[in-house]
Amino acid sequence: SHDSGGALFEEAECSSPTNARASGESPVQAAARRMRLDGAWQVRVVACEALVDIATTGDRDAVDVLSSATEHGFFEVRLAAVTALGRIASTGDLEAAMTLVRAVCDDDWRVREA
């Protein structure tokens, strides 16, 4: 017998944008929370790219989650995070600047060149 997937639907319902707004989370906070819960590197890449579309320049939550993603084990996630961070960070953001400087020393040339 197969599980009906009820728990999956409950989880999706709990993390929907409507419920996130009701709990006081911004769309960026909700996306960042969901991104941290997903182990698939492909999903994290897409999440980094999506943050560029939903976050405003200098959004602290977006900068924090992208800074964290620059340390991910897969270069694809680090590349997406560095690229997104470069687009979202505001001028003079020391944390973002330091993260981007560290990316110049990344093990993967694609991340270094981003």
PDB file of N, CA and C in Angstrom:
ATOM      1  N   SER A   1       0.840  -1.177   0.000  1.00  0.00           N
ATOM      2  CA  SER A   1       0.000   0.000   0.000  1.00  0.00           C
ATOM      3  C   SER A   1       0.886   1.241   0.000  1.00  0.00           C
ATOM      4  N   HIS A   2       0.509   2.232  -0.766  1.00  0.00           N
ATOM      5  CA  HIS A   2       1.268   3.475  -0.855  1.00  0.00           C
ATOM      6  C   HIS A   2       0.635   4.539   0.016  1.00  0.00           C
ATOM      7  N   ASP A   3       1.484   5.391   0.574  1.00  0.00           N
ATOM      8  CA  ASP A   3       1.010   6.520   1.353  1.00  0.00           C
ATOM      9  C   ASP A   3       0.290   7.489   0.416  1.00  0.00           C
ATOM     10  N   SER A   4      -0.762   8.092   0.871  1.00  0.00           N
ATOM     11  CA  SER A   4      -1.538   9.010   0.040  1.00  0.00           C
ATOM     12  C   SER A   4      -0.819  10.329  -0.182  1.00  0.00           C
ATOM     13  N   GLY A   5       0.264  10.566   0.542  1.00  0.00           N
ATOM     14  CA  GLY A   5       0.983  11.830   0.384  1.00  0.00           C
ATOM     15  C   GLY A   5       0.385  12.942   1.213  1.00  0.00           C
ATOM     16  N   GLY A   6      -0.472  12.610   2.142  1.00  0.00           N
ATOM     17  CA  GLY A   6      -1.120  13.627   2.968  1.00  0.00           C
ATOM     18  C   GLY A   6      -0.135  14.514   3.696  1.00  0.00           C
ATOM     19  N   ALA A   7       0.928  13.936   4.242  1.00  0.00           N
ATOM     20  CA  ALA A   7       1.918  14.735   4.968  1.00  0.00           C
ATOM     21  C   ALA A   7       2.592  15.728   4.029  1.00  0.00           C
ATOM     22  N   LEU A   8       2.855  15.310   2.791  1.00  0.00           N
ATOM     23  CA  LEU A   8       3.468  16.198   1.827  1.00  0.00           C
ATOM     24  C   LEU A   8       2.569  17.391   1.560  1.00  0.00           C
ATOM     25  N   PHE A   9       1.271  17.129   1.385  1.00  0.00           N
ATOM     26  CA  PHE A   9       0.342  18.220   1.123  1.00  0.00           C
ATOM     27  C   PHE A   9       0.192  19.126   2.332  1.00  0.00           C
ATOM     28  N   GLU A  10       0.216  18.547   3.534  1.00  0.00           N
ATOM     29  CA  GLU A  10       0.138  19.368   4.741  1.00  0.00           C
ATOM     30  C   GLU A  10       1.341  20.281   4.831  1.00  0.00           C
ATOM     31  N   GLU A  11       2.536  19.756   4.520  1.00  0.00           N
ATOM     32  CA  GLU A  11       3.750  20.570   4.574  1.00  0.00           C
ATOM     33  C   GLU A  11       3.653  21.702   3.558  1.00  0.00           C
ATOM     34  N   ALA A  12       3.193  21.378   2.352  1.00  0.00           N
ATOM     35  CA  ALA A  12       3.072  22.401   1.325  1.00  0.00           C
ATOM     36  C   ALA A  12       2.068  23.463   1.749  1.00  0.00           C
ATOM     37  N   GLU A  13       0.990  23.042   2.369  1.00  0.00           N
ATOM     38  CA  GLU A  13      -0.013  23.994   2.821  1.00  0.00           C
ATOM     39  C   GLU A  13       0.551  24.901   3.910  1.00  0.00           C
ATOM     40  N   CYS A  14       1.349  24.335   4.807  1.00  0.00           N
ATOM     41  CA  CYS A  14       1.928  25.118   5.903  1.00  0.00           C
ATOM     42  C   CYS A  14       2.940  26.136   5.414  1.00  0.00           C
ATOM     43  N   SER A  15       3.582  25.868   4.272  1.00  0.00           N
ATOM     44  CA  SER A  15       4.602  26.788   3.808  1.00  0.00           C
ATOM     45  C   SER A  15       4.129  27.626   2.625  1.00  0.00           C
ATOM     46  N   SER A  16       2.836  27.688   2.420  1.00  0.00           N
ATOM     47  CA  SER A  16       2.324  28.479   1.312  1.00  0.00           C
ATOM     48  C   SER A  16       2.519  29.960   1.583  1.00  0.00           C
ATOM     49  N   PRO A  17       2.603  30.789   0.526  1.00  0.00           N
ATOM     50  CA  PRO A  17       2.800  32.216   0.716  1.00  0.00           C
ATOM     51  C   PRO A  17       1.719  32.862   1.581  1.00  0.00           C
ATOM     52  N   THR A  18       0.476  32.398   1.464  1.00  0.00           N
ATOM     53  CA  THR A  18      -0.604  32.960   2.270  1.00  0.00           C
ATOM     54  C   THR A  18      -0.351  32.723   3.748  1.00  0.00           C
ATOM     55  N   ASN A  19       0.012  31.488   4.113  1.00  0.00           N
ATOM     56  CA  ASN A  19       0.289  31.184   5.515  1.00  0.00           C
ATOM     57  C   ASN A  19       1.533  31.906   5.998  1.00  0.00           C
ATOM     58  N   ALA A  20       2.506  32.103   5.106  1.00  0.00           N
ATOM     59  CA  ALA A  20       3.721  32.820   5.488  1.00  0.00           C
ATOM     60  C   ALA A  20       3.378  34.258   5.843  1.00  0.00           C
ATOM     61  N   ARG A  21       2.518  34.896   5.041  1.00  0.00           N
ATOM     62  CA  ARG A  21       2.131  36.281   5.335  1.00  0.00           C
ATOM     63  C   ARG A  21       1.345  36.357   6.629  1.00  0.00           C
ATOM     64  N   ALA A  22       0.506  35.355   6.873  1.00  0.00           N
ATOM     65  CA  ALA A  22      -0.295  35.357   8.100  1.00  0.00           C
ATOM     66  C   ALA A  22       0.598  35.224   9.328  1.00  0.00           C
ATOM     67  N   SER A  23       1.739  34.547   9.198  1.00  0.00           N
ATOM     68  CA  SER A  23       2.638  34.363  10.333  1.00  0.00           C
ATOM     69  C   SER A  23       3.636  35.512  10.457  1.00  0.00           C
ATOM     70  N   GLY A  24       3.565  36.496   9.574  1.00  0.00           N
ATOM     71  CA  GLY A  24       4.452  37.639   9.648  1.00  0.00           C
ATOM     72  C   GLY A  24       5.727  37.496   8.835  1.00  0.00           C
ATOM     73  N   GLU A  25       5.890  36.397   8.093  1.00  0.00           N
ATOM     74  CA  GLU A  25       7.074  36.209   7.258  1.00  0.00           C
ATOM     75  C   GLU A  25       6.911  36.969   5.951  1.00  0.00           C
ATOM     76  N   SER A  26       7.984  37.580   5.512  1.00  0.00           N
ATOM     77  CA  SER A  26       7.983  38.186   4.181  1.00  0.00           C
ATOM     78  C   SER A  26       8.146  37.062   3.155  1.00  0.00           C
ATOM     79  N   PRO A  27       7.849  37.329   1.893  1.00  0.00           N
ATOM     80  CA  PRO A  27       8.085  36.297   0.868  1.00  0.00           C
ATOM     81  C   PRO A  27       9.538  35.844   0.818  1.00  0.00           C
ATOM     82  N   VAL A  28      10.479  36.761   1.054  1.00  0.00           N
ATOM     83  CA  VAL A  28      11.893  36.393   1.056  1.00  0.00           C
ATOM     84  C   VAL A  28      12.202  35.481   2.232  1.00  0.00           C
ATOM     85  N   GLN A  29      11.678  35.791   3.411  1.00  0.00           N
ATOM     86  CA  GLN A  29      11.905  34.940   4.583  1.00  0.00           C
ATOM     87  C   GLN A  29      11.333  33.545   4.357  1.00  0.00           C
ATOM     88  N   ALA A  30      10.143  33.472   3.787  1.00  0.00           N
ATOM     89  CA  ALA A  30       9.521  32.170   3.526  1.00  0.00           C
ATOM     90  C   ALA A  30      10.337  31.372   2.512  1.00  0.00           C
ATOM     91  N   ALA A  31      10.809  32.035   1.451  1.00  0.00           N
ATOM     92  CA  ALA A  31      11.612  31.342   0.437  1.00  0.00           C
ATOM     93  C   ALA A  31      12.932  30.866   1.040  1.00  0.00           C
ATOM     94  N   ALA A  32      13.539  31.698   1.870  1.00  0.00           N
ATOM     95  CA  ALA A  32      14.807  31.318   2.501  1.00  0.00           C
ATOM     96  C   ALA A  32      14.619  30.132   3.437  1.00  0.00           C
ATOM     97  N   ARG A  33      13.530  30.141   4.200  1.00  0.00           N
ATOM     98  CA  ARG A  33      13.258  29.023   5.111  1.00  0.00           C
ATOM     99  C   ARG A  33      13.065  27.737   4.324  1.00  0.00           C
ATOM    100  N   ARG A  34      12.297  27.795   3.258  1.00  0.00           N
ATOM    101  CA  ARG A  34      12.061  26.594   2.455  1.00  0.00           C
ATOM    102  C   ARG A  34      13.339  26.129   1.771  1.00  0.00           C
ATOM    103  N   MET A  35      14.176  27.077   1.354  1.00  0.00           N
ATOM    104  CA  MET A  35      15.428  26.712   0.693  1.00  0.00           C
ATOM    105  C   MET A  35      16.330  25.947   1.649  1.00  0.00           C
ATOM    106  N   ARG A  36      16.382  26.361   2.891  1.00  0.00           N
ATOM    107  CA  ARG A  36      17.232  25.682   3.871  1.00  0.00           C
ATOM    108  C   ARG A  36      16.730  24.269   4.167  1.00  0.00           C
ATOM    109  N   LEU A  37      15.456  24.022   3.948  1.00  0.00           N
ATOM    110  CA  LEU A  37      14.886  22.712   4.238  1.00  0.00           C
ATOM    111  C   LEU A  37      15.096  21.721   3.106  1.00  0.00           C
ATOM    112  N   ASP A  38      15.383  22.210   1.916  1.00  0.00           N
ATOM    113  CA  ASP A  38      15.497  21.322   0.760  1.00  0.00           C
ATOM    114  C   ASP A  38      16.943  20.924   0.536  1.00  0.00           C
ATOM    115  N   GLY A  39      17.201  19.633   0.496  1.00  0.00           N
ATOM    116  CA  GLY A  39      18.552  19.132   0.327  1.00  0.00           C
ATOM    117  C   GLY A  39      19.016  19.038  -1.114  1.00  0.00           C
ATOM    118  N   ALA A  40      18.114  19.132  -2.065  1.00  0.00           N
ATOM    119  CA  ALA A  40      18.481  18.978  -3.471  1.00  0.00           C
ATOM    120  C   ALA A  40      19.206  20.232  -3.963  1.00  0.00           C
ATOM    121  N   TRP A  41      20.420  20.071  -4.447  1.00  0.00           N
ATOM    122  CA  TRP A  41      21.193  21.234  -4.873  1.00  0.00           C
ATOM    123  C   TRP A  41      20.525  21.967  -6.024  1.00  0.00           C
ATOM    124  N   GLN A  42      19.813  21.241  -6.889  1.00  0.00           N
ATOM    125  CA  GLN A  42      19.138  21.889  -8.017  1.00  0.00           C
ATOM    126  C   GLN A  42      18.071  22.865  -7.531  1.00  0.00           C
ATOM    127  N   VAL A  43      17.367  22.480  -6.469  1.00  0.00           N
ATOM    128  CA  VAL A  43      16.333  23.348  -5.903  1.00  0.00           C
ATOM    129  C   VAL A  43      16.973  24.591  -5.293  1.00  0.00           C
ATOM    130  N   ARG A  44      18.099  24.414  -4.646  1.00  0.00           N
ATOM    131  CA  ARG A  44      18.790  25.555  -4.043  1.00  0.00           C
ATOM    132  C   ARG A  44      19.295  26.526  -5.105  1.00  0.00           C
ATOM    133  N   VAL A  45      19.747  26.011  -6.248  1.00  0.00           N
ATOM    134  CA  VAL A  45      20.175  26.879  -7.342  1.00  0.00           C
ATOM    135  C   VAL A  45      18.999  27.736  -7.809  1.00  0.00           C
ATOM    136  N   VAL A  46      17.870  27.106  -8.049  1.00  0.00           N
ATOM    137  CA  VAL A  46      16.689  27.830  -8.513  1.00  0.00           C
ATOM    138  C   VAL A  46      16.215  28.824  -7.448  1.00  0.00           C
ATOM    139  N   ALA A  47      16.311  28.448  -6.184  1.00  0.00           N
ATOM    140  CA  ALA A  47      15.915  29.347  -5.103  1.00  0.00           C
ATOM    141  C   ALA A  47      16.805  30.587  -5.064  1.00  0.00           C
ATOM    142  N   CYS A  48      18.095  30.410  -5.251  1.00  0.00           N
ATOM    143  CA  CYS A  48      18.998  31.566  -5.297  1.00  0.00           C
ATOM    144  C   CYS A  48      18.616  32.497  -6.444  1.00  0.00           C
ATOM    145  N   GLU A  49      18.332  31.920  -7.587  1.00  0.00           N
ATOM    146  CA  GLU A  49      17.941  32.719  -8.749  1.00  0.00           C
ATOM    147  C   GLU A  49      16.609  33.425  -8.506  1.00  0.00           C
ATOM    148  N   ALA A  50      15.687  32.756  -7.838  1.00  0.00           N
ATOM    149  CA  ALA A  50      14.371  33.341  -7.568  1.00  0.00           C
ATOM    150  C   ALA A  50      14.456  34.480  -6.564  1.00  0.00           C
ATOM    151  N   LEU A  51      15.394  34.399  -5.626  1.00  0.00           N
ATOM    152  CA  LEU A  51      15.540  35.485  -4.651  1.00  0.00           C
ATOM    153  C   LEU A  51      15.827  36.810  -5.333  1.00  0.00           C
ATOM    154  N   VAL A  52      16.522  36.773  -6.455  1.00  0.00           N
ATOM    155  CA  VAL A  52      16.801  38.002  -7.199  1.00  0.00           C
ATOM    156  C   VAL A  52      15.494  38.653  -7.647  1.00  0.00           C
ATOM    157  N   ASP A  53      14.515  37.829  -7.994  1.00  0.00           N
ATOM    158  CA  ASP A  53      13.235  38.349  -8.479  1.00  0.00           C
ATOM    159  C   ASP A  53      12.320  38.854  -7.365  1.00  0.00           C
ATOM    160  N   ILE A  54      12.425  38.276  -6.167  1.00  0.00           N
ATOM    161  CA  ILE A  54      11.476  38.658  -5.119  1.00  0.00           C
ATOM    162  C   ILE A  54      12.057  39.576  -4.055  1.00  0.00           C
ATOM    163  N   ALA A  55      13.376  39.669  -3.983  1.00  0.00           N
ATOM    164  CA  ALA A  55      14.008  40.506  -2.963  1.00  0.00           C
ATOM    165  C   ALA A  55      14.283  41.903  -3.525  1.00  0.00           C
ATOM    166  N   THR A  56      14.309  42.860  -2.640  1.00  0.00           N
ATOM    167  CA  THR A  56      14.697  44.209  -3.033  1.00  0.00           C
ATOM    168  C   THR A  56      16.188  44.382  -2.766  1.00  0.00           C
ATOM    169  N   THR A  57      16.780  45.345  -3.406  1.00  0.00           N
ATOM    170  CA  THR A  57      18.202  45.604  -3.204  1.00  0.00           C
ATOM    171  C   THR A  57      18.481  45.840  -1.723  1.00  0.00           C
ATOM    172  N   GLY A  58      19.462  45.128  -1.211  1.00  0.00           N
ATOM    173  CA  GLY A  58      19.854  45.279   0.183  1.00  0.00           C
ATOM    174  C   GLY A  58      19.028  44.496   1.174  1.00  0.00           C
ATOM    175  N   ASP A  59      18.096  43.671   0.715  1.00  0.00           N
ATOM    176  CA  ASP A  59      17.238  42.886   1.620  1.00  0.00           C
ATOM    177  C   ASP A  59      18.120  42.014   2.513  1.00  0.00           C
ATOM    178  N   ARG A  60      18.088  42.291   3.808  1.00  0.00           N
ATOM    179  CA  ARG A  60      18.978  41.617   4.762  1.00  0.00           C
ATOM    180  C   ARG A  60      18.758  40.104   4.788  1.00  0.00           C
ATOM    181  N   ASP A  61      17.497  39.665   4.749  1.00  0.00           N
ATOM    182  CA  ASP A  61      17.214  38.227   4.765  1.00  0.00           C
ATOM    183  C   ASP A  61      17.804  37.547   3.529  1.00  0.00           C
ATOM    184  N   ALA A  62      17.644  38.173   2.377  1.00  0.00           N
ATOM    185  CA  ALA A  62      18.177  37.592   1.138  1.00  0.00           C
ATOM    186  C   ALA A  62      19.702  37.556   1.177  1.00  0.00           C
ATOM    187  N   VAL A  63      20.317  38.641   1.630  1.00  0.00           N
ATOM    188  CA  VAL A  63      21.780  38.681   1.720  1.00  0.00           C
ATOM    189  C   VAL A  63      22.286  37.596   2.664  1.00  0.00           C
ATOM    190  N   ASP A  64      21.614  37.430   3.796  1.00  0.00           N
ATOM    191  CA  ASP A  64      22.040  36.415   4.768  1.00  0.00           C
ATOM    192  C   ASP A  64      21.952  35.002   4.198  1.00  0.00           C
ATOM    193  N   VAL A  65      20.834  34.684   3.568  1.00  0.00           N
ATOM    194  CA  VAL A  65      20.672  33.313   3.056  1.00  0.00           C
ATOM    195  C   VAL A  65      21.613  33.065   1.878  1.00  0.00           C
ATOM    196  N   LEU A  66      21.826  34.064   1.041  1.00  0.00           N
ATOM    197  CA  LEU A  66      22.748  33.891  -0.081  1.00  0.00           C
ATOM    198  C   LEU A  66      24.190  33.784   0.410  1.00  0.00           C
ATOM    199  N   SER A  67      24.543  34.557   1.412  1.00  0.00           N
ATOM    200  CA  SER A  67      25.890  34.461   1.990  1.00  0.00           C
ATOM    201  C   SER A  67      26.134  33.056   2.524  1.00  0.00           C
ATOM    202  N   SER A  68      25.136  32.513   3.180  1.00  0.00           N
ATOM    203  CA  SER A  68      25.238  31.154   3.704  1.00  0.00           C
ATOM    204  C   SER A  68      25.378  30.137   2.563  1.00  0.00           C
ATOM    205  N   ALA A  69      24.645  30.352   1.488  1.00  0.00           N
ATOM    206  CA  ALA A  69      24.670  29.414   0.360  1.00  0.00           C
ATOM    207  C   ALA A  69      26.003  29.425  -0.378  1.00  0.00           C
ATOM    208  N   THR A  70      26.794  30.479  -0.208  1.00  0.00           N
ATOM    209  CA  THR A  70      28.104  30.510  -0.878  1.00  0.00           C
ATOM    210  C   THR A  70      29.067  29.491  -0.289  1.00  0.00           C
ATOM    211  N   GLU A  71      28.689  28.853   0.809  1.00  0.00           N
ATOM    212  CA  GLU A  71      29.531  27.829   1.431  1.00  0.00           C
ATOM    213  C   GLU A  71      29.011  26.416   1.178  1.00  0.00           C
ATOM    214  N   HIS A  72      28.028  26.280   0.309  1.00  0.00           N
ATOM    215  CA  HIS A  72      27.429  24.984   0.002  1.00  0.00           C
ATOM    216  C   HIS A  72      28.459  24.062  -0.647  1.00  0.00           C
ATOM    217  N   GLY A  73      28.241  22.766  -0.515  1.00  0.00           N
ATOM    218  CA  GLY A  73      29.160  21.772  -1.057  1.00  0.00           C
ATOM    219  C   GLY A  73      29.192  21.681  -2.570  1.00  0.00           C
ATOM    220  N   PHE A  74      28.113  22.030  -3.235  1.00  0.00           N
ATOM    221  CA  PHE A  74      28.054  21.951  -4.695  1.00  0.00           C
ATOM    222  C   PHE A  74      28.409  23.305  -5.297  1.00  0.00           C
ATOM    223  N   PHE A  75      29.311  23.298  -6.273  1.00  0.00           N
ATOM    224  CA  PHE A  75      29.731  24.564  -6.879  1.00  0.00           C
ATOM    225  C   PHE A  75      28.564  25.268  -7.557  1.00  0.00           C
ATOM    226  N   GLU A  76      27.605  24.503  -8.064  1.00  0.00           N
ATOM    227  CA  GLU A  76      26.459  25.113  -8.747  1.00  0.00           C
ATOM    228  C   GLU A  76      25.677  26.023  -7.805  1.00  0.00           C
ATOM    229  N   VAL A  77      25.524  25.597  -6.560  1.00  0.00           N
ATOM    230  CA  VAL A  77      24.812  26.408  -5.565  1.00  0.00           C
ATOM    231  C   VAL A  77      25.651  27.638  -5.216  1.00  0.00           C
ATOM    232  N   ARG A  78      26.952  27.440  -5.014  1.00  0.00           N
ATOM    233  CA  ARG A  78      27.823  28.573  -4.703  1.00  0.00           C
ATOM    234  C   ARG A  78      27.815  29.588  -5.835  1.00  0.00           C
ATOM    235  N   LEU A  79      27.854  29.115  -7.068  1.00  0.00           N
ATOM    236  CA  LEU A  79      27.828  29.994  -8.235  1.00  0.00           C
ATOM    237  C   LEU A  79      26.531  30.803  -8.287  1.00  0.00           C
ATOM    238  N   ALA A  80      25.409  30.120  -8.100  1.00  0.00           N
ATOM    239  CA  ALA A  80      24.116  30.813  -8.121  1.00  0.00           C
ATOM    240  C   ALA A  80      24.015  31.826  -6.976  1.00  0.00           C
ATOM    241  N   ALA A  81      24.533  31.445  -5.805  1.00  0.00           N
ATOM    242  CA  ALA A  81      24.472  32.337  -4.645  1.00  0.00           C
ATOM    243  C   ALA A  81      25.340  33.575  -4.848  1.00  0.00           C
ATOM    244  N   VAL A  82      26.555  33.398  -5.360  1.00  0.00           N
ATOM    245  CA  VAL A  82      27.456  34.527  -5.595  1.00  0.00           C
ATOM    246  C   VAL A  82      26.854  35.471  -6.645  1.00  0.00           C
ATOM    247  N   THR A  83      26.326  34.898  -7.715  1.00  0.00           N
ATOM    248  CA  THR A  83      25.715  35.702  -8.768  1.00  0.00           C
ATOM    249  C   THR A  83      24.529  36.503  -8.225  1.00  0.00           C
ATOM    250  N   ALA A  84      23.664  35.831  -7.475  1.00  0.00           N
ATOM    251  CA  ALA A  84      22.492  36.509  -6.906  1.00  0.00           C
ATOM    252  C   ALA A  84      22.900  37.553  -5.878  1.00  0.00           C
ATOM    253  N   LEU A  85      23.878  37.233  -5.058  1.00  0.00           N
ATOM    254  CA  LEU A  85      24.339  38.174  -4.036  1.00  0.00           C
ATOM    255  C   LEU A  85      24.886  39.441  -4.685  1.00  0.00           C
ATOM    256  N   GLY A  86      25.613  39.283  -5.775  1.00  0.00           N
ATOM    257  CA  GLY A  86      26.127  40.443  -6.496  1.00  0.00           C
ATOM    258  C   GLY A  86      25.029  41.343  -7.032  1.00  0.00           C
ATOM    259  N   ARG A  87      23.876  40.780  -7.315  1.00  0.00           N
ATOM    260  CA  ARG A  87      22.751  41.561  -7.841  1.00  0.00           C
ATOM    261  C   ARG A  87      21.893  42.163  -6.737  1.00  0.00           C
ATOM    262  N   ILE A  88      21.821  41.512  -5.581  1.00  0.00           N
ATOM    263  CA  ILE A  88      20.929  41.956  -4.508  1.00  0.00           C
ATOM    264  C   ILE A  88      21.606  42.892  -3.509  1.00  0.00           C
ATOM    265  N   ALA A  89      22.877  42.670  -3.246  1.00  0.00           N
ATOM    266  CA  ALA A  89      23.572  43.440  -2.202  1.00  0.00           C
ATOM    267  C   ALA A  89      23.574  44.925  -2.532  1.00  0.00           C
ATOM    268  N   SER A  90      23.415  45.717  -1.492  1.00  0.00           N
ATOM    269  CA  SER A  90      23.454  47.164  -1.687  1.00  0.00           C
ATOM    270  C   SER A  90      24.899  47.645  -1.588  1.00  0.00           C
ATOM    271  N   THR A  91      25.161  48.780  -2.188  1.00  0.00           N
ATOM    272  CA  THR A  91      26.484  49.383  -2.118  1.00  0.00           C
ATOM    273  C   THR A  91      26.837  49.642  -0.660  1.00  0.00           C
ATOM    274  N   GLY A  92      28.024  49.252  -0.266  1.00  0.00           N
ATOM    275  CA  GLY A  92      28.466  49.472   1.100  1.00  0.00           C
ATOM    276  C   GLY A  92      28.109  48.364   2.074  1.00  0.00           C
ATOM    277  N   ASP A  93      27.501  47.271   1.599  1.00  0.00           N
ATOM    278  CA  ASP A  93      27.139  46.151   2.475  1.00  0.00           C
ATOM    279  C   ASP A  93      28.404  45.347   2.759  1.00  0.00           C
ATOM    280  N   LEU A  94      28.955  45.521   3.952  1.00  0.00           N
ATOM    281  CA  LEU A  94      30.232  44.898   4.307  1.00  0.00           C
ATOM    282  C   LEU A  94      30.153  43.367   4.296  1.00  0.00           C
ATOM    283  N   GLU A  95      29.064  42.812   4.840  1.00  0.00           N
ATOM    284  CA  GLU A  95      28.932  41.350   4.860  1.00  0.00           C
ATOM    285  C   GLU A  95      28.927  40.778   3.439  1.00  0.00           C
ATOM    286  N   ALA A  96      28.154  41.390   2.560  1.00  0.00           N
ATOM    287  CA  ALA A  96      28.086  40.913   1.180  1.00  0.00           C
ATOM    288  C   ALA A  96      29.439  41.071   0.496  1.00  0.00           C
ATOM    289  N   ALA A  97      30.106  42.190   0.733  1.00  0.00           N
ATOM    290  CA  ALA A  97      31.415  42.423   0.127  1.00  0.00           C
ATOM    291  C   ALA A  97      32.423  41.373   0.588  1.00  0.00           C
ATOM    292  N   MET A  98      32.435  41.074   1.874  1.00  0.00           N
ATOM    293  CA  MET A  98      33.371  40.071   2.391  1.00  0.00           C
ATOM    294  C   MET A  98      33.064  38.684   1.816  1.00  0.00           C
ATOM    295  N   THR A  99      31.789  38.372   1.677  1.00  0.00           N
ATOM    296  CA  THR A  99      31.397  37.084   1.091  1.00  0.00           C
ATOM    297  C   THR A  99      31.860  36.994  -0.354  1.00  0.00           C
ATOM    298  N   LEU A 100      31.692  38.078  -1.095  1.00  0.00           N
ATOM    299  CA  LEU A 100      32.105  38.083  -2.496  1.00  0.00           C
ATOM    300  C   LEU A 100      33.632  38.023  -2.623  1.00  0.00           C
ATOM    301  N   VAL A 101      34.337  38.650  -1.713  1.00  0.00           N
ATOM    302  CA  VAL A 101      35.806  38.559  -1.722  1.00  0.00           C
ATOM    303  C   VAL A 101      36.242  37.117  -1.461  1.00  0.00           C
ATOM    304  N   ARG A 102      35.568  36.442  -0.505  1.00  0.00           N
ATOM    305  CA  ARG A 102      35.907  35.031  -0.238  1.00  0.00           C
ATOM    306  C   ARG A 102      35.625  34.160  -1.462  1.00  0.00           C
ATOM    307  N   ALA A 103      34.613  34.521  -2.238  1.00  0.00           N
ATOM    308  CA  ALA A 103      34.266  33.737  -3.428  1.00  0.00           C
ATOM    309  C   ALA A 103      35.377  33.781  -4.468  1.00  0.00           C
ATOM    310  N   VAL A 104      36.172  34.833  -4.456  1.00  0.00           N
ATOM    311  CA  VAL A 104      37.293  34.936  -5.392  1.00  0.00           C
ATOM    312  C   VAL A 104      38.321  33.829  -5.126  1.00  0.00           C
ATOM    313  N   CYS A 105      38.309  33.273  -3.926  1.00  0.00           N
ATOM    314  CA  CYS A 105      39.239  32.196  -3.555  1.00  0.00           C
ATOM    315  C   CYS A 105      38.572  30.822  -3.576  1.00  0.00           C
ATOM    316  N   ASP A 106      37.374  30.707  -4.147  1.00  0.00           N
ATOM    317  CA  ASP A 106      36.654  29.441  -4.186  1.00  0.00           C
ATOM    318  C   ASP A 106      37.470  28.389  -4.927  1.00  0.00           C
ATOM    319  N   ASP A 107      37.252  27.125  -4.582  1.00  0.00           N
ATOM    320  CA  ASP A 107      37.950  26.016  -5.220  1.00  0.00           C
ATOM    321  C   ASP A 107      37.588  25.863  -6.692  1.00  0.00           C
ATOM    322  N   ASP A 108      36.396  26.314  -7.080  1.00  0.00           N
ATOM    323  CA  ASP A 108      35.937  26.130  -8.456  1.00  0.00           C
ATOM    324  C   ASP A 108      36.110  27.422  -9.245  1.00  0.00           C
ATOM    325  N   TRP A 109      36.715  27.300 -10.419  1.00  0.00           N
ATOM    326  CA  TRP A 109      36.982  28.479 -11.236  1.00  0.00           C
ATOM    327  C   TRP A 109      35.709  29.215 -11.668  1.00  0.00           C
ATOM    328  N   ARG A 110      34.604  28.472 -11.823  1.00  0.00           N
ATOM    329  CA  ARG A 110      33.358  29.113 -12.254  1.00  0.00           C
ATOM    330  C   ARG A 110      32.827  30.059 -11.192  1.00  0.00           C
ATOM    331  N   VAL A 111      32.998  29.670  -9.936  1.00  0.00           N
ATOM    332  CA  VAL A 111      32.567  30.535  -8.827  1.00  0.00           C
ATOM    333  C   VAL A 111      33.516  31.733  -8.730  1.00  0.00           C
ATOM    334  N   ARG A 112      34.800  31.492  -8.873  1.00  0.00           N
ATOM    335  CA  ARG A 112      35.780  32.594  -8.798  1.00  0.00           C
ATOM    336  C   ARG A 112      35.517  33.641  -9.874  1.00  0.00           C
ATOM    337  N   GLU A 113      35.113  33.206 -11.059  1.00  0.00           N
ATOM    338  CA  GLU A 113      34.895  34.138 -12.169  1.00  0.00           C
ATOM    339  C   GLU A 113      33.533  34.810 -12.136  1.00  0.00           C
ATOM    340  N   ALA A 114      32.652  34.348 -11.277  1.00  0.00           N
ATOM    341  CA  ALA A 114      31.313  34.961 -11.204  1.00  0.00           C
ATOM    342  C   ALA A 114      31.444  36.373 -10.678  1.00  0.00           C
TER     343      ALA A 114
END
